[in-house]
Structures are given as C-alpha cells and as structure tokens.
C-alpha cells in the first residue's frame, strides 16, 4: 500500500493535474466511509477548525463553477497543467 494515501472521513482529496478534466477540478470530500484509499498523486487535506468552517460548506464552494474557473486560472504548466494552493 505504499503507493496509496489513506483518506479519513471529513478529509478532502484532489488531483492537482487539471489538463484532462475539461473545466472541472477533481475534488472530493469523504463522507460515506471511515477511511478510503487514493493514489499517492492525490493531495489530501482537511479543515483545521470545524467551528469556523464546515467541510460540507467548503465542498459546496468547491462545487461551484466559479471555483473551477479560479482553479484553471491558478493552474500552471504547458503540457500538463497543475493547480496548487500556493
């Protein structure tokens, strides 16, 4: 399992490569299981303080077309565009 990352309930995962998904960013929030596995090329992150920001609310924001446009704007690269949080 060294080529996988463990995702826990309430954590997000996304694939930074945006070049093959059209205008959509591949991002998900794990809600239905306690744990899951994703490839090690995915980025896993979580909300630090759920009293300030609910993961479900953040997922709603990630699901908006405005976020997809922002992520494409922030992507860099020529052949393989990458979106990072910096």
PDB file of N, CA and C in Angstrom:
ATOM      1  N   UNK A   1       0.800  -1.207   0.000  1.00  0.00           N
ATOM      2  CA  UNK A   1       0.000   0.000   0.000  1.00  0.00           C
ATOM      3  C   UNK A   1       0.842   1.271   0.000  1.00  0.00           C
ATOM      4  N   UNK A   2       2.115   1.165  -0.292  1.00  0.00           N
ATOM      5  CA  UNK A   2       2.977   2.345  -0.252  1.00  0.00           C
ATOM      6  C   UNK A   2       2.658   3.344  -1.359  1.00  0.00           C
ATOM      7  N   UNK A   3       1.938   2.919  -2.372  1.00  0.00           N
ATOM      8  CA  UNK A   3       1.592   3.828  -3.461  1.00  0.00           C
ATOM      9  C   UNK A   3       0.233   4.478  -3.254  1.00  0.00           C
ATOM     10  N   UNK A   4      -0.297   4.395  -2.047  1.00  0.00           N
ATOM     11  CA  UNK A   4      -1.611   4.950  -1.749  1.00  0.00           C
ATOM     12  C   UNK A   4      -1.551   5.846  -0.521  1.00  0.00           C
ATOM     13  N   UNK A   5      -2.536   6.716  -0.415  1.00  0.00           N
ATOM     14  CA  UNK A   5      -2.700   7.550   0.776  1.00  0.00           C
ATOM     15  C   UNK A   5      -4.021   7.186   1.426  1.00  0.00           C
ATOM     16  N   UNK A   6      -4.068   7.234   2.744  1.00  0.00           N
ATOM     17  CA  UNK A   6      -5.301   6.981   3.487  1.00  0.00           C
ATOM     18  C   UNK A   6      -6.043   8.305   3.641  1.00  0.00           C
ATOM     19  N   UNK A   7      -7.325   8.282   3.305  1.00  0.00           N
ATOM     20  CA  UNK A   7      -8.197   9.441   3.472  1.00  0.00           C
ATOM     21  C   UNK A   7      -9.193   9.085   4.562  1.00  0.00           C
ATOM     22  N   UNK A   8      -9.374   9.976   5.522  1.00  0.00           N
ATOM     23  CA  UNK A   8     -10.309   9.732   6.620  1.00  0.00           C
ATOM     24  C   UNK A   8     -11.581  10.549   6.426  1.00  0.00           C
ATOM     25  N   UNK A   9     -12.643  10.091   7.070  1.00  0.00           N
ATOM     26  CA  UNK A   9     -13.925  10.793   6.979  1.00  0.00           C
ATOM     27  C   UNK A   9     -13.723  12.279   7.299  1.00  0.00           C
ATOM     28  N   UNK A  10     -14.288  13.135   6.461  1.00  0.00           N
ATOM     29  CA  UNK A  10     -14.173  14.578   6.656  1.00  0.00           C
ATOM     30  C   UNK A  10     -12.974  15.205   5.969  1.00  0.00           C
ATOM     31  N   UNK A  11     -12.120  14.387   5.356  1.00  0.00           N
ATOM     32  CA  UNK A  11     -10.974  14.928   4.631  1.00  0.00           C
ATOM     33  C   UNK A  11     -11.303  15.067   3.143  1.00  0.00           C
ATOM     34  N   UNK A  12     -10.603  15.997   2.519  1.00  0.00           N
ATOM     35  CA  UNK A  12     -10.738  16.238   1.088  1.00  0.00           C
ATOM     36  C   UNK A  12      -9.578  15.588   0.356  1.00  0.00           C
ATOM     37  N   UNK A  13      -9.805  15.289  -0.895  1.00  0.00           N
ATOM     38  CA  UNK A  13      -8.735  14.836  -1.764  1.00  0.00           C
ATOM     39  C   UNK A  13      -8.962  15.430  -3.144  1.00  0.00           C
ATOM     40  N   UNK A  14      -7.879  15.810  -3.783  1.00  0.00           N
ATOM     41  CA  UNK A  14      -7.987  16.299  -5.152  1.00  0.00           C
ATOM     42  C   UNK A  14      -6.740  15.930  -5.926  1.00  0.00           C
ATOM     43  N   UNK A  15      -6.902  15.898  -7.234  1.00  0.00           N
ATOM     44  CA  UNK A  15      -5.775  15.613  -8.109  1.00  0.00           C
ATOM     45  C   UNK A  15      -5.327  16.939  -8.719  1.00  0.00           C
ATOM     46  N   UNK A  16      -4.065  17.298  -8.532  1.00  0.00           N
ATOM     47  CA  UNK A  16      -3.592  18.607  -8.991  1.00  0.00           C
ATOM     48  C   UNK A  16      -3.569  18.769 -10.511  1.00  0.00           C
ATOM     49  N   UNK A  17      -3.493  17.671 -11.251  1.00  0.00           N
ATOM     50  CA  UNK A  17      -3.441  17.738 -12.714  1.00  0.00           C
ATOM     51  C   UNK A  17      -4.811  18.130 -13.244  1.00  0.00           C
ATOM     52  N   UNK A  18      -4.913  19.294 -13.882  1.00  0.00           N
ATOM     53  CA  UNK A  18      -6.205  19.785 -14.373  1.00  0.00           C
ATOM     54  C   UNK A  18      -6.343  19.666 -15.879  1.00  0.00           C
ATOM     55  N   UNK A  19      -5.357  19.152 -16.569  1.00  0.00           N
ATOM     56  CA  UNK A  19      -5.341  19.227 -18.028  1.00  0.00           C
ATOM     57  C   UNK A  19      -6.273  18.246 -18.731  1.00  0.00           C
ATOM     58  N   UNK A  20      -6.731  17.210 -18.077  1.00  0.00           N
ATOM     59  CA  UNK A  20      -7.558  16.213 -18.766  1.00  0.00           C
ATOM     60  C   UNK A  20      -8.987  16.138 -18.239  1.00  0.00           C
ATOM     61  N   UNK A  21      -9.433  17.111 -17.525  1.00  0.00           N
ATOM     62  CA  UNK A  21     -10.773  17.080 -16.966  1.00  0.00           C
ATOM     63  C   UNK A  21     -11.655  18.197 -17.499  1.00  0.00           C
ATOM     64  N   UNK A  22     -11.309  18.736 -18.627  1.00  0.00           N
ATOM     65  CA  UNK A  22     -12.103  19.834 -19.171  1.00  0.00           C
ATOM     66  C   UNK A  22     -12.043  21.025 -18.243  1.00  0.00           C
ATOM     67  N   UNK A  23     -13.183  21.511 -17.853  1.00  0.00           N
ATOM     68  CA  UNK A  23     -13.240  22.689 -16.984  1.00  0.00           C
ATOM     69  C   UNK A  23     -13.495  22.336 -15.527  1.00  0.00           C
ATOM     70  N   UNK A  24     -13.454  21.075 -15.181  1.00  0.00           N
ATOM     71  CA  UNK A  24     -13.761  20.648 -13.817  1.00  0.00           C
ATOM     72  C   UNK A  24     -12.502  20.247 -13.054  1.00  0.00           C
ATOM     73  N   UNK A  25     -12.482  20.565 -11.766  1.00  0.00           N
ATOM     74  CA  UNK A  25     -11.404  20.147 -10.883  1.00  0.00           C
ATOM     75  C   UNK A  25     -11.863  18.882 -10.158  1.00  0.00           C
ATOM     76  N   UNK A  26     -11.035  17.853 -10.167  1.00  0.00           N
ATOM     77  CA  UNK A  26     -11.376  16.597  -9.497  1.00  0.00           C
ATOM     78  C   UNK A  26     -11.117  16.703  -8.003  1.00  0.00           C
ATOM     79  N   UNK A  27     -12.172  16.997  -7.229  1.00  0.00           N
ATOM     80  CA  UNK A  27     -12.034  17.154  -5.778  1.00  0.00           C
ATOM     81  C   UNK A  27     -13.201  16.450  -5.100  1.00  0.00           C
ATOM     82  N   UNK A  28     -12.947  15.847  -3.939  1.00  0.00           N
ATOM     83  CA  UNK A  28     -13.999  15.099  -3.242  1.00  0.00           C
ATOM     84  C   UNK A  28     -13.818  15.213  -1.736  1.00  0.00           C
ATOM     85  N   UNK A  29     -14.923  15.072  -1.029  1.00  0.00           N
ATOM     86  CA  UNK A  29     -14.966  15.034   0.433  1.00  0.00           C
ATOM     87  C   UNK A  29     -15.452  13.649   0.831  1.00  0.00           C
ATOM     88  N   UNK A  30     -14.688  12.941   1.657  1.00  0.00           N
ATOM     89  CA  UNK A  30     -15.094  11.603   2.099  1.00  0.00           C
ATOM     90  C   UNK A  30     -16.144  11.738   3.194  1.00  0.00           C
ATOM     91  N   UNK A  31     -17.344  11.223   2.926  1.00  0.00           N
ATOM     92  CA  UNK A  31     -18.440  11.321   3.895  1.00  0.00           C
ATOM     93  C   UNK A  31     -19.079   9.975   4.215  1.00  0.00           C
ATOM     94  N   UNK A  32     -19.002   9.015   3.318  1.00  0.00           N
ATOM     95  CA  UNK A  32     -19.763   7.775   3.483  1.00  0.00           C
ATOM     96  C   UNK A  32     -19.016   6.647   4.187  1.00  0.00           C
ATOM     97  N   UNK A  33     -17.702   6.767   4.316  1.00  0.00           N
ATOM     98  CA  UNK A  33     -16.894   5.714   4.925  1.00  0.00           C
ATOM     99  C   UNK A  33     -15.947   6.322   5.950  1.00  0.00           C
ATOM    100  N   UNK A  34     -15.460   5.501   6.869  1.00  0.00           N
ATOM    101  CA  UNK A  34     -14.500   5.987   7.861  1.00  0.00           C
ATOM    102  C   UNK A  34     -13.133   6.255   7.245  1.00  0.00           C
ATOM    103  N   UNK A  35     -12.731   5.408   6.293  1.00  0.00           N
ATOM    104  CA  UNK A  35     -11.441   5.566   5.626  1.00  0.00           C
ATOM    105  C   UNK A  35     -11.549   5.113   4.184  1.00  0.00           C
ATOM    106  N   UNK A  36     -10.639   5.618   3.374  1.00  0.00           N
ATOM    107  CA  UNK A  36     -10.551   5.211   1.983  1.00  0.00           C
ATOM    108  C   UNK A  36      -9.116   5.331   1.512  1.00  0.00           C
ATOM    109  N   UNK A  37      -8.843   4.816   0.326  1.00  0.00           N
ATOM    110  CA  UNK A  37      -7.507   4.892  -0.264  1.00  0.00           C
ATOM    111  C   UNK A  37      -7.572   5.667  -1.567  1.00  0.00           C
ATOM    112  N   UNK A  38      -6.544   6.485  -1.804  1.00  0.00           N
ATOM    113  CA  UNK A  38      -6.382   7.160  -3.084  1.00  0.00           C
ATOM    114  C   UNK A  38      -4.929   6.995  -3.517  1.00  0.00           C
ATOM    115  N   UNK A  39      -4.686   7.186  -4.777  1.00  0.00           N
ATOM    116  CA  UNK A  39      -3.325   7.136  -5.304  1.00  0.00           C
ATOM    117  C   UNK A  39      -2.467   8.198  -4.630  1.00  0.00           C
ATOM    118  N   UNK A  40      -1.177   7.959  -4.568  1.00  0.00           N
ATOM    119  CA  UNK A  40      -0.287   8.924  -3.928  1.00  0.00           C
ATOM    120  C   UNK A  40      -0.110  10.206  -4.737  1.00  0.00           C
ATOM    121  N   UNK A  41      -0.650  10.280  -5.945  1.00  0.00           N
ATOM    122  CA  UNK A  41      -0.574  11.531  -6.703  1.00  0.00           C
ATOM    123  C   UNK A  41      -1.654  12.523  -6.268  1.00  0.00           C
ATOM    124  N   UNK A  42      -2.625  12.052  -5.484  1.00  0.00           N
ATOM    125  CA  UNK A  42      -3.667  12.941  -4.969  1.00  0.00           C
ATOM    126  C   UNK A  42      -3.147  13.717  -3.764  1.00  0.00           C
ATOM    127  N   UNK A  43      -3.685  14.898  -3.564  1.00  0.00           N
ATOM    128  CA  UNK A  43      -3.405  15.706  -2.383  1.00  0.00           C
ATOM    129  C   UNK A  43      -4.547  15.502  -1.400  1.00  0.00           C
ATOM    130  N   UNK A  44      -4.234  15.285  -0.139  1.00  0.00           N
ATOM    131  CA  UNK A  44      -5.238  15.094   0.909  1.00  0.00           C
ATOM    132  C   UNK A  44      -5.105  16.245   1.900  1.00  0.00           C
ATOM    133  N   UNK A  45      -6.242  16.845   2.263  1.00  0.00           N
ATOM    134  CA  UNK A  45      -6.220  17.929   3.245  1.00  0.00           C
ATOM    135  C   UNK A  45      -7.522  17.932   4.021  1.00  0.00           C
ATOM    136  N   UNK A  46      -7.558  18.724   5.098  1.00  0.00           N
ATOM    137  CA  UNK A  46      -8.749  18.785   5.942  1.00  0.00           C
ATOM    138  C   UNK A  46      -8.914  20.185   6.507  1.00  0.00           C
ATOM    139  N   UNK A  47     -10.109  20.458   6.971  1.00  0.00           N
ATOM    140  CA  UNK A  47     -10.403  21.713   7.653  1.00  0.00           C
ATOM    141  C   UNK A  47      -9.791  21.625   9.046  1.00  0.00           C
ATOM    142  N   UNK A  48      -9.063  22.651   9.448  1.00  0.00           N
ATOM    143  CA  UNK A  48      -8.409  22.637  10.762  1.00  0.00           C
ATOM    144  C   UNK A  48      -9.388  22.840  11.904  1.00  0.00           C
ATOM    145  N   UNK A  49     -10.357  23.732  11.727  1.00  0.00           N
ATOM    146  CA  UNK A  49     -11.282  24.063  12.811  1.00  0.00           C
ATOM    147  C   UNK A  49     -12.707  24.066  12.268  1.00  0.00           C
ATOM    148  N   UNK A  50     -13.451  22.994  12.545  1.00  0.00           N
ATOM    149  CA  UNK A  50     -14.817  22.884  12.039  1.00  0.00           C
ATOM    150  C   UNK A  50     -15.777  23.847  12.720  1.00  0.00           C
ATOM    151  N   UNK A  51     -15.355  24.505  13.808  1.00  0.00           N
ATOM    152  CA  UNK A  51     -16.181  25.550  14.408  1.00  0.00           C
ATOM    153  C   UNK A  51     -16.146  26.823  13.570  1.00  0.00           C
ATOM    154  N   UNK A  52     -15.125  26.956  12.721  1.00  0.00           N
ATOM    155  CA  UNK A  52     -15.005  28.136  11.862  1.00  0.00           C
ATOM    156  C   UNK A  52     -15.435  27.869  10.426  1.00  0.00           C
ATOM    157  N   UNK A  53     -15.276  26.634   9.954  1.00  0.00           N
ATOM    158  CA  UNK A  53     -15.624  26.285   8.577  1.00  0.00           C
ATOM    159  C   UNK A  53     -16.030  24.820   8.515  1.00  0.00           C
ATOM    160  N   UNK A  54     -17.238  24.567   8.081  1.00  0.00           N
ATOM    161  CA  UNK A  54     -17.709  23.190   7.936  1.00  0.00           C
ATOM    162  C   UNK A  54     -17.192  22.597   6.628  1.00  0.00           C
ATOM    163  N   UNK A  55     -16.694  21.365   6.661  1.00  0.00           N
ATOM    164  CA  UNK A  55     -16.218  20.737   5.428  1.00  0.00           C
ATOM    165  C   UNK A  55     -17.306  20.665   4.348  1.00  0.00           C
ATOM    166  N   UNK A  56     -18.543  20.422   4.754  1.00  0.00           N
ATOM    167  CA  UNK A  56     -19.635  20.337   3.783  1.00  0.00           C
ATOM    168  C   UNK A  56     -19.862  21.679   3.084  1.00  0.00           C
ATOM    169  N   UNK A  57     -19.721  22.769   3.841  1.00  0.00           N
ATOM    170  CA  UNK A  57     -19.868  24.097   3.241  1.00  0.00           C
ATOM    171  C   UNK A  57     -18.728  24.361   2.255  1.00  0.00           C
ATOM    172  N   UNK A  58     -17.516  24.002   2.635  1.00  0.00           N
ATOM    173  CA  UNK A  58     -16.377  24.175   1.745  1.00  0.00           C
ATOM    174  C   UNK A  58     -16.566  23.358   0.472  1.00  0.00           C
ATOM    175  N   UNK A  59     -17.111  22.143   0.598  1.00  0.00           N
ATOM    176  CA  UNK A  59     -17.359  21.316  -0.580  1.00  0.00           C
ATOM    177  C   UNK A  59     -18.376  21.978  -1.498  1.00  0.00           C
ATOM    178  N   UNK A  60     -19.373  22.650  -0.919  1.00  0.00           N
ATOM    179  CA  UNK A  60     -20.323  23.401  -1.750  1.00  0.00           C
ATOM    180  C   UNK A  60     -19.594  24.463  -2.561  1.00  0.00           C
ATOM    181  N   UNK A  61     -18.658  25.162  -1.930  1.00  0.00           N
ATOM    182  CA  UNK A  61     -17.889  26.187  -2.639  1.00  0.00           C
ATOM    183  C   UNK A  61     -17.039  25.561  -3.741  1.00  0.00           C
ATOM    184  N   UNK A  62     -16.408  24.421  -3.434  1.00  0.00           N
ATOM    185  CA  UNK A  62     -15.604  23.734  -4.444  1.00  0.00           C
ATOM    186  C   UNK A  62     -16.457  23.263  -5.623  1.00  0.00           C
ATOM    187  N   UNK A  63     -17.737  23.028  -5.408  1.00  0.00           N
ATOM    188  CA  UNK A  63     -18.623  22.520  -6.456  1.00  0.00           C
ATOM    189  C   UNK A  63     -19.130  23.611  -7.392  1.00  0.00           C
ATOM    190  N   UNK A  64     -18.879  24.852  -7.077  1.00  0.00           N
ATOM    191  CA  UNK A  64     -19.370  25.970  -7.887  1.00  0.00           C
ATOM    192  C   UNK A  64     -18.515  26.172  -9.140  1.00  0.00           C
ATOM    193  N   UNK A  65     -19.137  26.597 -10.229  1.00  0.00           N
ATOM    194  CA  UNK A  65     -18.377  26.887 -11.454  1.00  0.00           C
ATOM    195  C   UNK A  65     -17.310  27.966 -11.239  1.00  0.00           C
ATOM    196  N   UNK A  66     -17.560  28.886 -10.316  1.00  0.00           N
ATOM    197  CA  UNK A  66     -16.572  29.935 -10.036  1.00  0.00           C
ATOM    198  C   UNK A  66     -15.264  29.350  -9.509  1.00  0.00           C
ATOM    199  N   UNK A  67     -15.360  28.307  -8.688  1.00  0.00           N
ATOM    200  CA  UNK A  67     -14.139  27.674  -8.189  1.00  0.00           C
ATOM    201  C   UNK A  67     -13.383  26.994  -9.321  1.00  0.00           C
ATOM    202  N   UNK A  68     -14.107  26.319 -10.212  1.00  0.00           N
ATOM    203  CA  UNK A  68     -13.446  25.670 -11.347  1.00  0.00           C
ATOM    204  C   UNK A  68     -12.702  26.698 -12.202  1.00  0.00           C
ATOM    205  N   UNK A  69     -13.329  27.848 -12.446  1.00  0.00           N
ATOM    206  CA  UNK A  69     -12.659  28.901 -13.222  1.00  0.00           C
ATOM    207  C   UNK A  69     -11.433  29.425 -12.488  1.00  0.00           C
ATOM    208  N   UNK A  70     -11.556  29.627 -11.172  1.00  0.00           N
ATOM    209  CA  UNK A  70     -10.424  30.096 -10.369  1.00  0.00           C
ATOM    210  C   UNK A  70      -9.271  29.090 -10.417  1.00  0.00           C
ATOM    211  N   UNK A  71      -9.592  27.813 -10.258  1.00  0.00           N
ATOM    212  CA  UNK A  71      -8.559  26.774 -10.260  1.00  0.00           C
ATOM    213  C   UNK A  71      -7.862  26.699 -11.614  1.00  0.00           C
ATOM    214  N   UNK A  72      -8.621  26.821 -12.699  1.00  0.00           N
ATOM    215  CA  UNK A  72      -7.997  26.815 -14.028  1.00  0.00           C
ATOM    216  C   UNK A  72      -7.095  28.035 -14.200  1.00  0.00           C
ATOM    217  N   UNK A  73      -7.525  29.176 -13.682  1.00  0.00           N
ATOM    218  CA  UNK A  73      -6.719  30.395 -13.750  1.00  0.00           C
ATOM    219  C   UNK A  73      -5.416  30.229 -12.971  1.00  0.00           C
ATOM    220  N   UNK A  74      -5.487  29.552 -11.819  1.00  0.00           N
ATOM    221  CA  UNK A  74      -4.310  29.358 -10.970  1.00  0.00           C
ATOM    222  C   UNK A  74      -3.425  28.196 -11.430  1.00  0.00           C
ATOM    223  N   UNK A  75      -3.869  27.429 -12.415  1.00  0.00           N
ATOM    224  CA  UNK A  75      -3.082  26.299 -12.916  1.00  0.00           C
ATOM    225  C   UNK A  75      -1.900  26.801 -13.731  1.00  0.00           C
ATOM    226  N   UNK A  76      -0.823  26.042 -13.696  1.00  0.00           N
ATOM    227  CA  UNK A  76       0.360  26.415 -14.469  1.00  0.00           C
ATOM    228  C   UNK A  76       0.947  25.178 -15.124  1.00  0.00           C
ATOM    229  N   UNK A  77       1.648  25.387 -16.195  1.00  0.00           N
ATOM    230  CA  UNK A  77       2.258  24.296 -16.941  1.00  0.00           C
ATOM    231  C   UNK A  77       1.857  24.391 -18.400  1.00  0.00           C
ATOM    232  N   UNK A  78       2.547  23.681 -19.249  1.00  0.00           N
ATOM    233  CA  UNK A  78       2.233  23.739 -20.672  1.00  0.00           C
ATOM    234  C   UNK A  78       1.511  22.474 -21.125  1.00  0.00           C
ATOM    235  N   UNK A  79       2.155  21.342 -21.038  1.00  0.00           N
ATOM    236  CA  UNK A  79       1.525  20.093 -21.462  1.00  0.00           C
ATOM    237  C   UNK A  79       0.594  19.567 -20.383  1.00  0.00           C
ATOM    238  N   UNK A  80       1.024  19.636 -19.152  1.00  0.00           N
ATOM    239  CA  UNK A  80       0.245  19.106 -18.028  1.00  0.00           C
ATOM    240  C   UNK A  80       0.051  20.223 -17.010  1.00  0.00           C
ATOM    241  N   UNK A  81      -1.127  20.820 -17.004  1.00  0.00           N
ATOM    242  CA  UNK A  81      -1.400  21.912 -16.071  1.00  0.00           C
ATOM    243  C   UNK A  81      -1.598  21.377 -14.660  1.00  0.00           C
ATOM    244  N   UNK A  82      -1.037  22.083 -13.689  1.00  0.00           N
ATOM    245  CA  UNK A  82      -1.116  21.695 -12.278  1.00  0.00           C
ATOM    246  C   UNK A  82      -1.723  22.847 -11.491  1.00  0.00           C
ATOM    247  N   UNK A  83      -2.670  22.539 -10.619  1.00  0.00           N
ATOM    248  CA  UNK A  83      -3.240  23.535  -9.721  1.00  0.00           C
ATOM    249  C   UNK A  83      -2.753  23.227  -8.312  1.00  0.00           C
ATOM    250  N   UNK A  84      -2.060  24.190  -7.700  1.00  0.00           N
ATOM    251  CA  UNK A  84      -1.645  24.009  -6.312  1.00  0.00           C
ATOM    252  C   UNK A  84      -2.206  25.155  -5.479  1.00  0.00           C
ATOM    253  N   UNK A  85      -2.085  25.060  -4.181  1.00  0.00           N
ATOM    254  CA  UNK A  85      -2.707  26.025  -3.269  1.00  0.00           C
ATOM    255  C   UNK A  85      -1.808  27.204  -2.936  1.00  0.00           C
ATOM    256  N   UNK A  86      -0.619  27.265  -3.508  1.00  0.00           N
ATOM    257  CA  UNK A  86       0.297  28.380  -3.212  1.00  0.00           C
ATOM    258  C   UNK A  86      -0.123  29.663  -3.893  1.00  0.00           C
TER     259      UNK A  86
END
